[in-house]
Amino acid sequence: MAMALEEARKAAAEGEVPIGAVVVCDGQVVTRAHNRRELDRDPSAHAEFSALVQAAHTLERWRLTGCTVYVTLEPCLMCAGLMVNGRVDRCVYGAPDPKGGALGTLYDVSHDSRLNHEFEVTAGVLVDECAEVLREFFRARRSAQKAAQRAKRAAEAAEESSQA
């Protein structure tokens, strides 16, 4: 999970929502990734989705049995669905996602008997650190937005006074 946190911090440095993921297969790190939706203009560029696709290419197989996905935030429906379709053995995540979590918070795709695969889930690993990276990012983003709004109002006020 420490590696996934490093990836999350890379995402934040790039202006992306700070989520990182690592895929480990048979005890070896196969891939690492972080969110790149804004940079790539790609709605599927979630950390764990990218890491799983890279893992399939690296391992040269679509069945990712023997693999564990470590991710800093509980996966969404798309990413959890990819874990089902990729036949991962396990997902370990840090912070729960109350707005989109699909491994137990809003849905539980990992243990839905209607689907053709189930996998183990371990939640809350380094939860405080994972949640803090997200909190810091959104705190800074809100602060920057407020500063931009203040600057805009000041510029508008200066414009109005110069026209008067």
Protein backbone atom coordinates (compact mmCIF):
# COMPACT_ATOMS: atom_id res chain seq x y z
CA MET A 1 0.00 0.00 0.00
CA ALA A 2 2.97 2.30 0.54
CA MET A 3 3.72 2.06 -3.20
CA ALA A 4 0.10 2.86 -4.02
CA LEU A 5 0.35 5.94 -1.78
CA GLU A 6 3.47 7.03 -3.70
CA GLU A 7 1.46 6.74 -6.91
CA ALA A 8 -1.39 8.75 -5.35
CA ARG A 9 1.05 11.53 -4.50
CA LYS A 10 2.29 11.51 -8.11
CA ALA A 11 -1.29 11.96 -9.27
CA ALA A 12 -1.76 14.93 -6.92
CA ALA A 13 1.44 16.53 -8.21
CA GLU A 14 -0.02 16.26 -11.74
CA GLY A 15 -3.31 17.85 -10.64
CA GLU A 16 -5.16 14.53 -10.71
CA VAL A 17 -7.34 13.14 -7.93
CA PRO A 18 -4.73 11.34 -5.81
CA ILE A 19 -5.46 7.66 -6.19
CA GLY A 20 -2.71 5.11 -6.71
CA ALA A 21 -2.69 1.40 -7.44
CA VAL A 22 -0.23 -1.48 -7.54
CA VAL A 23 -0.76 -4.98 -8.94
CA VAL A 24 1.20 -7.80 -7.30
CA CYS A 25 1.24 -11.28 -8.80
CA ASP A 26 2.78 -14.25 -7.06
CA GLY A 27 4.57 -11.93 -4.63
CA GLN A 28 6.12 -9.68 -7.31
CA VAL A 29 5.11 -6.12 -8.18
CA VAL A 30 3.89 -6.23 -11.76
CA THR A 31 2.61 -2.68 -12.32
CA ARG A 32 2.04 0.65 -10.63
CA ALA A 33 -0.30 3.41 -11.79
CA HIS A 34 -2.15 6.51 -10.70
CA ASN A 35 -5.16 8.47 -11.90
CA ARG A 36 -4.66 10.20 -15.25
CA ARG A 37 -8.22 11.07 -16.30
CA GLU A 38 -7.56 14.78 -16.77
CA LEU A 39 -4.15 14.40 -18.43
CA ASP A 40 -5.28 11.65 -20.80
CA ARG A 41 -8.84 12.99 -21.20
CA ASP A 42 -9.93 9.42 -20.61
CA PRO A 43 -12.80 8.45 -18.30
CA SER A 44 -11.29 4.98 -17.85
CA ALA A 45 -7.87 6.25 -16.70
CA HIS A 46 -8.48 5.30 -13.07
CA ALA A 47 -5.41 4.11 -11.17
CA GLU A 48 -6.53 0.51 -10.70
CA PHE A 49 -8.01 0.22 -14.20
CA SER A 50 -4.72 1.36 -15.75
CA ALA A 51 -2.70 -0.90 -13.45
CA LEU A 52 -4.84 -3.93 -14.36
CA VAL A 53 -4.58 -3.30 -18.11
CA GLN A 54 -0.81 -2.88 -17.80
CA ALA A 55 -0.60 -6.06 -15.72
CA ALA A 56 -2.46 -8.04 -18.39
CA HIS A 57 -0.02 -6.76 -21.02
CA THR A 58 3.03 -7.45 -18.85
CA LEU A 59 1.86 -10.94 -17.89
CA GLU A 60 0.59 -11.55 -21.43
CA ARG A 61 -2.75 -12.88 -20.24
CA TRP A 62 -6.14 -11.45 -19.46
CA ARG A 63 -6.84 -13.80 -16.56
CA LEU A 64 -5.15 -12.16 -13.61
CA THR A 65 -5.47 -15.09 -11.24
CA GLY A 66 -2.76 -14.99 -8.61
CA CYS A 67 -2.89 -11.18 -8.58
CA THR A 68 -3.72 -8.76 -5.79
CA VAL A 69 -4.65 -5.14 -6.51
CA TYR A 70 -3.64 -2.56 -3.90
CA VAL A 71 -5.46 0.76 -4.27
CA THR A 72 -5.71 3.80 -2.02
CA LEU A 73 -9.47 4.34 -2.50
CA GLU A 74 -12.23 1.75 -2.70
CA PRO A 75 -12.79 0.93 -6.38
CA CYS A 76 -15.80 2.20 -8.31
CA LEU A 77 -18.21 -0.03 -10.26
CA MET A 78 -16.10 0.15 -13.43
CA CYS A 79 -12.89 -0.88 -11.70
CA ALA A 80 -14.54 -3.51 -9.51
CA GLY A 81 -16.17 -4.91 -12.66
CA LEU A 82 -12.77 -5.12 -14.33
CA MET A 83 -11.49 -7.04 -11.29
CA VAL A 84 -14.33 -9.52 -11.73
CA ASN A 85 -13.71 -9.83 -15.48
CA GLY A 86 -9.94 -10.07 -14.98
CA ARG A 87 -10.39 -12.79 -12.34
CA VAL A 88 -8.16 -11.14 -9.72
CA ASP A 89 -7.74 -13.04 -6.47
CA ARG A 90 -7.87 -10.10 -4.10
CA CYS A 91 -8.25 -6.34 -3.74
CA VAL A 92 -6.75 -4.44 -0.82
CA TYR A 93 -7.86 -0.84 -0.44
CA GLY A 94 -7.26 2.01 1.95
CA ALA A 95 -10.11 4.52 2.27
CA PRO A 96 -13.76 3.65 1.68
CA ASP A 97 -15.62 5.65 -0.98
CA PRO A 98 -19.05 6.65 0.34
CA LYS A 99 -20.04 8.14 -3.04
CA GLY A 100 -18.96 5.35 -5.36
CA GLY A 101 -17.44 2.38 -3.54
CA ALA A 102 -18.30 -0.91 -5.19
CA LEU A 103 -16.52 -3.34 -2.85
CA GLY A 104 -18.82 -3.04 0.13
CA THR A 105 -19.79 0.60 0.67
CA LEU A 106 -22.50 1.20 -1.95
CA TYR A 107 -22.31 -2.12 -3.76
CA ASP A 108 -20.39 -5.35 -3.34
CA VAL A 109 -19.34 -6.55 -6.75
CA SER A 110 -16.66 -8.78 -5.22
CA HIS A 111 -19.18 -11.17 -3.70
CA ASP A 112 -22.20 -11.00 -5.99
CA SER A 113 -23.30 -14.58 -6.64
CA ARG A 114 -24.96 -13.47 -9.90
CA LEU A 115 -21.52 -12.78 -11.40
CA ASN A 116 -19.08 -15.39 -12.68
CA HIS A 117 -16.20 -14.59 -10.29
CA GLU A 118 -15.75 -13.59 -6.66
CA PHE A 119 -12.61 -12.25 -5.01
CA GLU A 120 -11.33 -11.46 -1.55
CA VAL A 121 -11.39 -7.89 -0.27
CA THR A 122 -9.35 -6.37 2.54
CA ALA A 123 -10.47 -2.85 3.46
CA GLY A 124 -8.94 -0.12 5.59
CA VAL A 125 -5.23 -0.75 5.04
CA LEU A 126 -3.40 2.51 5.88
CA VAL A 127 -6.84 4.12 5.84
CA ASP A 128 -5.74 7.31 7.64
CA GLU A 129 -2.85 7.95 5.24
CA CYS A 130 -4.96 7.19 2.18
CA ALA A 131 -7.79 9.44 3.33
CA GLU A 132 -5.41 12.26 4.29
CA VAL A 133 -3.86 12.38 0.79
CA LEU A 134 -7.37 12.88 -0.62
CA ARG A 135 -8.35 15.44 2.05
CA GLU A 136 -5.18 17.49 1.45
CA PHE A 137 -5.75 17.50 -2.31
CA PHE A 138 -9.36 18.67 -2.09
CA ARG A 139 -8.55 21.18 0.66
CA ALA A 140 -5.88 22.74 -1.57
CA ARG A 141 -8.21 22.68 -4.58
CA ARG A 142 -10.99 24.47 -2.64
CA SER A 143 -8.49 27.03 -1.35
CA ALA A 144 -7.22 27.73 -4.88
CA GLN A 145 -10.79 28.09 -6.17
CA LYS A 146 -11.62 30.58 -3.41
CA ALA A 147 -8.46 32.57 -4.17
CA ALA A 148 -9.35 32.64 -7.86
CA GLN A 149 -12.86 33.85 -7.04
CA ARG A 150 -11.47 36.62 -4.81
CA ALA A 151 -9.05 37.69 -7.54
CA LYS A 152 -11.85 37.73 -10.10
CA ARG A 153 -14.04 39.88 -7.84
CA ALA A 154 -11.14 42.25 -7.20
CA ALA A 155 -10.47 42.56 -10.95
CA GLU A 156 -14.16 43.21 -11.61
CA ALA A 157 -14.26 45.84 -8.90
CA ALA A 158 -11.15 47.53 -10.32
CA GLU A 159 -12.71 47.46 -13.80
CA GLU A 160 -15.94 49.03 -12.49
CA SER A 161 -14.06 51.79 -10.63
CA SER A 162 -11.96 52.61 -13.70
CA GLN A 163 -15.11 52.96 -15.82
CA ALA A 164 -16.79 55.25 -13.30
